[in-house]
N, C-alpha and C. Protein backbone atom coordinates (compact mmCIF):
# COMPACT_ATOMS: atom_id res chain seq x y z
N UNK A 1 113.09 -187.91 -18.26
CA UNK A 1 112.76 -189.15 -18.09
C UNK A 1 112.16 -189.92 -16.67
N UNK A 2 111.51 -190.44 -16.50
CA UNK A 2 111.44 -190.97 -15.19
C UNK A 2 112.28 -191.32 -14.18
N UNK A 3 111.97 -191.84 -13.37
CA UNK A 3 113.29 -192.61 -12.38
C UNK A 3 113.18 -194.30 -13.02
N UNK A 4 112.10 -194.76 -13.23
CA UNK A 4 111.97 -196.24 -13.55
C UNK A 4 112.97 -196.28 -14.85
N UNK A 5 113.06 -195.35 -15.42
CA UNK A 5 113.85 -195.32 -17.00
C UNK A 5 114.93 -194.99 -17.01
N UNK A 6 115.61 -194.91 -15.61
CA UNK A 6 117.04 -194.14 -15.85
C UNK A 6 117.81 -195.12 -16.37
N UNK A 7 118.31 -196.37 -15.81
CA UNK A 7 119.35 -197.51 -16.01
C UNK A 7 119.09 -197.78 -17.51
N UNK A 8 117.96 -197.60 -18.31
CA UNK A 8 117.64 -198.20 -19.53
C UNK A 8 118.08 -197.00 -20.21
N UNK A 9 118.02 -195.66 -20.36
CA UNK A 9 118.87 -194.73 -20.56
C UNK A 9 120.08 -193.41 -20.65
N UNK A 10 120.76 -195.17 -19.80
CA UNK A 10 122.28 -193.68 -19.15
C UNK A 10 123.14 -193.57 -20.87
N UNK A 11 122.63 -194.13 -21.57
CA UNK A 11 123.86 -194.44 -22.95
C UNK A 11 123.24 -193.03 -23.61
N UNK A 12 121.54 -192.29 -24.06
CA UNK A 12 121.20 -191.42 -24.63
C UNK A 12 121.79 -190.15 -23.27
N UNK A 13 121.06 -190.34 -22.18
CA UNK A 13 122.08 -188.80 -20.92
C UNK A 13 123.32 -188.80 -21.52
N UNK A 14 124.22 -189.55 -21.42
CA UNK A 14 125.41 -189.11 -21.28
C UNK A 14 126.02 -188.73 -23.00
N UNK A 15 125.12 -188.54 -23.80
CA UNK A 15 125.51 -188.21 -25.09
C UNK A 15 124.92 -186.98 -25.47
N UNK A 16 123.42 -186.70 -24.46
CA UNK A 16 122.65 -186.09 -24.85
C UNK A 16 124.00 -184.50 -23.65
N UNK A 17 124.53 -184.85 -22.70
CA UNK A 17 125.69 -184.13 -22.12
C UNK A 17 126.45 -183.79 -22.87
N UNK A 18 127.37 -184.81 -23.82
CA UNK A 18 128.45 -184.19 -24.79
C UNK A 18 127.59 -183.19 -25.70
N UNK A 19 126.27 -183.58 -25.77
CA UNK A 19 126.16 -182.39 -27.12
C UNK A 19 125.86 -180.82 -26.36
N UNK A 20 125.13 -180.90 -25.27
CA UNK A 20 125.15 -179.69 -24.65
C UNK A 20 126.21 -178.93 -24.57
N UNK A 21 127.73 -179.63 -23.85
CA UNK A 21 128.75 -178.90 -23.69
C UNK A 21 129.96 -178.56 -25.19
N UNK A 22 129.13 -179.27 -25.91
CA UNK A 22 129.63 -178.81 -27.49
C UNK A 22 128.84 -177.73 -27.78
N UNK A 23 127.53 -177.28 -27.62
CA UNK A 23 127.02 -176.06 -27.90
C UNK A 23 127.27 -174.77 -26.95
N UNK A 24 128.34 -175.19 -25.54
CA UNK A 24 129.01 -174.05 -24.55
C UNK A 24 127.89 -174.22 -23.26
N UNK A 25 127.28 -175.02 -23.40
CA UNK A 25 126.95 -175.22 -21.89
C UNK A 25 127.72 -175.39 -20.75
N UNK A 26 127.16 -174.59 -19.59
CA UNK A 26 128.66 -174.96 -18.27
C UNK A 26 127.91 -175.22 -17.24
N UNK A 27 128.85 -175.52 -16.20
CA UNK A 27 127.94 -175.73 -14.55
C UNK A 27 126.82 -176.85 -14.54
N UNK A 28 127.14 -177.79 -15.60
CA UNK A 28 125.99 -179.28 -15.81
C UNK A 28 126.06 -179.81 -14.88
N UNK A 29 124.89 -179.85 -13.99
CA UNK A 29 124.12 -180.82 -13.41
C UNK A 29 124.06 -181.87 -13.98
N UNK A 30 123.77 -183.24 -13.76
CA UNK A 30 123.12 -184.28 -14.50
C UNK A 30 123.06 -185.57 -13.42
N UNK A 31 121.60 -186.15 -13.61
CA UNK A 31 121.70 -187.47 -12.73
C UNK A 31 122.19 -188.46 -13.31
N UNK A 32 123.28 -188.55 -13.21
CA UNK A 32 123.92 -188.91 -13.56
C UNK A 32 125.51 -189.64 -12.65
N UNK A 33 125.56 -190.77 -12.88
CA UNK A 33 127.36 -190.86 -12.25
C UNK A 33 128.52 -190.05 -12.75
N UNK A 34 129.44 -189.60 -11.97
CA UNK A 34 130.20 -188.30 -12.54
C UNK A 34 129.89 -187.26 -12.22
N UNK A 35 128.60 -187.10 -11.96
CA UNK A 35 128.09 -185.10 -11.95
C UNK A 35 127.28 -185.11 -10.63
N UNK A 36 127.68 -183.77 -10.85
CA UNK A 36 127.18 -183.04 -9.65
C UNK A 36 125.02 -183.71 -9.68
N UNK A 37 124.16 -184.48 -8.67
CA UNK A 37 122.78 -184.28 -9.18
C UNK A 37 122.54 -183.08 -9.17
N UNK A 38 121.18 -182.78 -9.97
CA UNK A 38 120.51 -181.25 -9.52
C UNK A 38 119.47 -181.62 -8.39
N UNK A 39 119.16 -180.26 -8.23
CA UNK A 39 118.13 -179.95 -6.83
C UNK A 39 117.05 -180.83 -7.16
N UNK A 40 116.50 -181.92 -6.27
CA UNK A 40 114.84 -182.80 -5.99
C UNK A 40 113.74 -181.92 -5.84
N UNK A 41 112.90 -182.48 -6.11
CA UNK A 41 111.65 -181.79 -5.60
C UNK A 41 110.91 -182.64 -5.08
N UNK A 42 110.06 -182.29 -4.03
CA UNK A 42 109.41 -183.63 -3.76
C UNK A 42 107.75 -182.85 -3.81
N UNK A 43 107.20 -183.89 -4.02
CA UNK A 43 105.55 -183.32 -3.79
C UNK A 43 104.82 -183.79 -2.82
N UNK A 44 104.26 -182.39 -2.32
CA UNK A 44 103.62 -182.55 -1.23
C UNK A 44 102.44 -184.06 -1.29
N UNK A 45 102.18 -184.56 -0.21
CA UNK A 45 100.94 -185.67 0.32
C UNK A 45 101.42 -186.55 -0.27
N UNK A 46 102.55 -187.23 -1.02
CA UNK A 46 102.95 -188.26 -1.47
C UNK A 46 104.81 -188.03 -1.41
N UNK A 47 105.26 -189.23 -2.06
CA UNK A 47 106.59 -189.71 -1.96
C UNK A 47 107.13 -189.82 -3.53
N UNK A 48 106.14 -188.86 -4.49
CA UNK A 48 106.66 -188.49 -5.60
C UNK A 48 107.82 -187.82 -5.65
N UNK A 49 109.48 -187.65 -6.14
CA UNK A 49 109.79 -186.77 -6.33
C UNK A 49 110.67 -187.02 -7.68
N UNK A 50 111.03 -185.39 -8.30
CA UNK A 50 111.14 -184.76 -9.46
C UNK A 50 112.14 -184.44 -9.24
N UNK A 51 113.41 -184.82 -10.48
CA UNK A 51 114.67 -184.34 -10.25
C UNK A 51 114.89 -184.63 -11.85
N UNK A 52 115.31 -182.78 -12.29
CA UNK A 52 115.09 -182.77 -13.68
C UNK A 52 116.26 -183.84 -14.59
N UNK A 53 116.43 -183.87 -15.50
CA UNK A 53 117.61 -184.94 -15.84
C UNK A 53 118.49 -184.42 -16.03
N UNK A 54 119.22 -182.78 -16.81
CA UNK A 54 120.23 -181.97 -16.87
C UNK A 54 119.88 -180.66 -16.82
N UNK A 55 120.75 -179.88 -15.91
CA UNK A 55 120.59 -178.19 -15.48
C UNK A 55 121.74 -178.06 -16.25
N UNK A 56 121.85 -176.65 -16.42
CA UNK A 56 123.05 -176.26 -17.12
C UNK A 56 122.42 -174.56 -17.20
N UNK A 57 124.20 -173.81 -17.74
CA UNK A 57 123.96 -172.68 -17.77
C UNK A 57 124.67 -172.27 -18.92
N UNK A 58 123.89 -171.48 -19.62
CA UNK A 58 124.35 -170.64 -20.84
C UNK A 58 124.30 -169.20 -20.72
N UNK A 59 125.25 -168.09 -20.49
CA UNK A 59 125.14 -166.73 -20.73
C UNK A 59 124.17 -166.33 -19.52
N UNK A 60 124.94 -166.90 -18.52
CA UNK A 60 123.99 -166.45 -17.32
C UNK A 60 122.65 -166.79 -17.55
N UNK A 61 122.12 -167.90 -17.49
CA UNK A 61 120.69 -168.38 -17.70
C UNK A 61 120.63 -169.52 -17.48
N UNK A 62 119.81 -170.17 -16.40
CA UNK A 62 119.63 -171.49 -15.83
C UNK A 62 118.83 -172.03 -17.08
N UNK A 63 118.81 -173.37 -17.90
CA UNK A 63 118.50 -174.39 -18.28
C UNK A 63 118.32 -175.49 -17.68
N UNK A 64 116.62 -175.93 -17.88
CA UNK A 64 116.46 -177.50 -17.32
C UNK A 64 116.60 -178.26 -18.64
N UNK A 65 116.90 -179.74 -18.60
CA UNK A 65 116.53 -180.22 -19.92
C UNK A 65 116.28 -181.36 -19.50
N UNK A 66 115.10 -182.50 -20.12
CA UNK A 66 114.71 -183.28 -19.67
C UNK A 66 114.45 -184.48 -21.23
N UNK A 67 114.80 -185.61 -20.55
CA UNK A 67 115.16 -186.55 -22.10
C UNK A 67 113.50 -186.57 -21.96
N UNK A 68 113.22 -186.70 -23.58
CA UNK A 68 111.98 -187.52 -24.00
C UNK A 68 112.46 -188.60 -24.94
N UNK A 69 112.02 -189.45 -24.08
CA UNK A 69 112.06 -191.28 -24.96
C UNK A 69 110.90 -191.82 -23.97
N UNK A 70 110.73 -193.15 -25.18
CA UNK A 70 109.19 -193.67 -24.99
C UNK A 70 109.55 -194.19 -23.53
N UNK A 71 108.39 -194.15 -22.75
CA UNK A 71 107.97 -194.40 -21.24
C UNK A 71 106.79 -195.27 -21.15
N UNK A 72 107.18 -196.49 -19.76
CA UNK A 72 105.74 -197.06 -19.78
C UNK A 72 104.94 -196.22 -18.89
N UNK A 73 104.92 -195.60 -18.52
CA UNK A 73 104.32 -194.04 -17.51
C UNK A 73 104.13 -193.06 -18.57
N UNK A 74 103.54 -192.89 -19.19
CA UNK A 74 103.36 -191.07 -20.12
C UNK A 74 102.64 -190.62 -19.07
N UNK A 75 102.09 -191.24 -17.85
CA UNK A 75 101.37 -190.23 -17.03
C UNK A 75 102.34 -189.10 -16.49
N UNK A 76 102.62 -190.16 -16.00
CA UNK A 76 103.81 -189.69 -14.70
C UNK A 76 104.64 -188.08 -15.59
N UNK A 77 105.22 -189.00 -16.63
CA UNK A 77 106.64 -188.15 -17.32
C UNK A 77 105.73 -187.06 -18.30
N UNK A 78 104.01 -186.61 -18.33
CA UNK A 78 103.64 -185.73 -18.18
C UNK A 78 103.17 -184.88 -17.62
N UNK A 79 103.06 -185.24 -16.53
CA UNK A 79 103.06 -184.07 -14.93
C UNK A 79 104.91 -183.92 -14.66
N UNK A 80 105.38 -184.53 -14.57
CA UNK A 80 106.85 -184.31 -14.63
C UNK A 80 107.14 -182.87 -15.52
N UNK A 81 106.63 -182.91 -16.95
CA UNK A 81 106.92 -181.90 -17.36
C UNK A 81 106.53 -181.17 -17.07
N UNK A 82 105.08 -180.86 -17.08
CA UNK A 82 104.32 -179.54 -16.63
C UNK A 82 104.82 -178.93 -15.43
N UNK A 83 105.41 -179.92 -14.14
CA UNK A 83 105.85 -179.02 -13.58
C UNK A 83 106.81 -178.45 -13.28
N UNK A 84 108.01 -179.14 -14.35
CA UNK A 84 109.48 -178.46 -14.82
C UNK A 84 108.90 -177.00 -15.42
N UNK A 85 108.15 -177.31 -16.67
CA UNK A 85 107.77 -175.92 -17.58
C UNK A 85 107.34 -174.92 -16.57
N UNK A 86 106.05 -175.12 -15.33
CA UNK A 86 105.58 -174.37 -14.42
C UNK A 86 106.97 -173.49 -13.51
N UNK A 87 107.73 -174.41 -13.38
CA UNK A 87 108.81 -174.08 -12.63
C UNK A 87 109.72 -173.25 -13.26
N UNK A 88 110.13 -173.46 -14.55
CA UNK A 88 111.21 -172.70 -14.90
C UNK A 88 110.25 -171.24 -15.64
N UNK A 89 108.74 -170.75 -15.43
CA UNK A 89 108.35 -169.98 -15.80
C UNK A 89 108.42 -168.90 -14.66
N UNK A 90 108.42 -169.97 -13.74
CA UNK A 90 108.42 -169.28 -12.67
C UNK A 90 109.22 -168.36 -11.93
N UNK A 91 110.93 -168.56 -12.29
CA UNK A 91 111.98 -168.82 -11.90
C UNK A 91 112.99 -168.18 -13.71
N UNK A 92 112.65 -168.03 -14.29
CA UNK A 92 112.77 -167.01 -15.68
C UNK A 92 113.56 -167.72 -16.04
N UNK A 93 113.52 -169.78 -15.61
CA UNK A 93 114.55 -170.29 -16.58
C UNK A 93 113.93 -170.70 -17.65
N UNK A 94 114.89 -171.71 -18.69
CA UNK A 94 114.60 -172.27 -20.04
C UNK A 94 113.94 -173.96 -20.04
N UNK A 95 112.96 -174.40 -19.98
CA UNK A 95 113.06 -175.33 -20.08
C UNK A 95 112.85 -176.22 -21.47
N UNK A 96 113.62 -177.64 -21.73
CA UNK A 96 113.66 -177.73 -23.24
C UNK A 96 113.85 -179.41 -23.18
N UNK A 97 113.36 -179.85 -24.05
CA UNK A 97 113.22 -181.48 -23.94
C UNK A 97 113.99 -181.94 -25.46
N UNK A 98 115.11 -183.25 -24.43
CA UNK A 98 115.84 -183.56 -25.59
C UNK A 98 115.43 -184.72 -26.24
N UNK A 99 115.85 -184.72 -27.09
CA UNK A 99 114.80 -186.23 -27.71
C UNK A 99 115.73 -186.95 -28.85
N UNK A 100 115.77 -188.09 -29.18
CA UNK A 100 116.57 -188.74 -30.16
C UNK A 100 115.93 -189.60 -30.99
N UNK A 101 116.34 -189.69 -32.34
CA UNK A 101 115.87 -190.70 -33.55
C UNK A 101 114.98 -191.91 -32.52
N UNK A 102 114.18 -191.86 -33.09
CA UNK A 102 112.89 -193.33 -32.76
C UNK A 102 111.82 -192.75 -31.92
N UNK A 103 111.97 -191.44 -31.17
CA UNK A 103 111.43 -190.89 -29.61
C UNK A 103 110.53 -189.91 -30.55
N UNK A 104 110.76 -189.08 -31.61
CA UNK A 104 110.16 -187.57 -32.34
C UNK A 104 108.46 -188.43 -31.73
N UNK A 105 108.24 -189.09 -32.54
CA UNK A 105 106.66 -189.23 -32.44
C UNK A 105 105.95 -189.44 -30.92
N UNK A 106 106.55 -190.36 -30.22
CA UNK A 106 106.30 -190.19 -28.96
C UNK A 106 106.59 -188.90 -28.17
N UNK A 107 107.27 -188.26 -28.57
CA UNK A 107 107.60 -186.93 -27.80
C UNK A 107 106.41 -185.62 -28.39
N UNK A 108 106.40 -186.10 -29.61
CA UNK A 108 105.64 -185.23 -30.54
C UNK A 108 103.48 -185.07 -29.46
N UNK A 109 103.55 -186.24 -30.07
CA UNK A 109 101.96 -187.03 -29.54
C UNK A 109 101.79 -186.30 -28.07
N UNK A 110 103.26 -186.51 -26.77
CA UNK A 110 102.54 -186.89 -25.27
C UNK A 110 102.59 -185.15 -25.13
N UNK A 111 103.54 -183.90 -25.81
CA UNK A 111 103.95 -182.62 -25.94
C UNK A 111 101.97 -181.98 -26.63
N UNK A 112 102.05 -182.59 -27.40
CA UNK A 112 100.37 -182.34 -27.84
C UNK A 112 99.16 -182.57 -26.80
N UNK A 113 99.46 -183.95 -25.96
CA UNK A 113 98.25 -184.00 -25.44
C UNK A 113 98.32 -182.89 -24.08
N UNK A 114 99.42 -182.53 -23.47
CA UNK A 114 99.39 -181.62 -22.28
C UNK A 114 99.92 -180.53 -22.79
N UNK A 115 99.22 -180.13 -24.42
CA UNK A 115 99.47 -178.47 -24.79
C UNK A 115 100.42 -178.04 -24.01
N UNK A 116 101.84 -178.25 -24.63
CA UNK A 116 103.03 -177.53 -23.84
C UNK A 116 104.09 -177.06 -25.49
N UNK A 117 102.80 -176.95 -26.77
CA UNK A 117 103.64 -176.73 -27.35
C UNK A 117 104.50 -175.01 -27.75
N UNK A 118 105.22 -174.71 -26.26
CA UNK A 118 105.89 -173.44 -26.42
C UNK A 118 107.15 -174.12 -26.16
N UNK A 119 107.35 -175.20 -25.65
CA UNK A 119 108.81 -175.73 -25.43
C UNK A 119 109.63 -175.98 -26.49
N UNK A 120 110.63 -175.90 -26.21
CA UNK A 120 111.45 -175.42 -27.60
C UNK A 120 112.24 -177.79 -27.62
N UNK A 121 111.70 -178.41 -28.48
CA UNK A 121 112.45 -179.86 -28.88
C UNK A 121 114.01 -179.42 -28.93
N UNK A 122 115.03 -180.68 -28.67
CA UNK A 122 116.28 -180.40 -29.12
C UNK A 122 116.05 -181.90 -29.67
N UNK A 123 116.87 -182.09 -31.30
CA UNK A 123 116.83 -183.69 -31.83
C UNK A 123 118.36 -183.61 -31.86
N UNK A 124 119.04 -184.63 -31.38
CA UNK A 124 120.37 -185.63 -31.39
C UNK A 124 119.67 -186.41 -32.14
């Protein structure tokens, strides 16, 4: 989810965190009040800041989660996902997309557009 959509989808972010906690994830950092904020990455040459929605650990391995919800700026969302996927591969993390009912088609189309078929989708 991009920064402009954060206020609109706080409920979905809370549901996702609860779901991940029930699956056994620990050390959860989320871009939400009451949680420690995940590390942000600044794009060189611009003022674009990329922050994963949720970062958690399970069995000693770090997982990066991003919520896939309909957005007004899908291009910015695609570049965020590509960056997080590349970062995950470089650092041996796991990158997952979390989506909810009503957003499956948007998520699948966006993933297909950027050839990110290796990323696992978590449907809540």
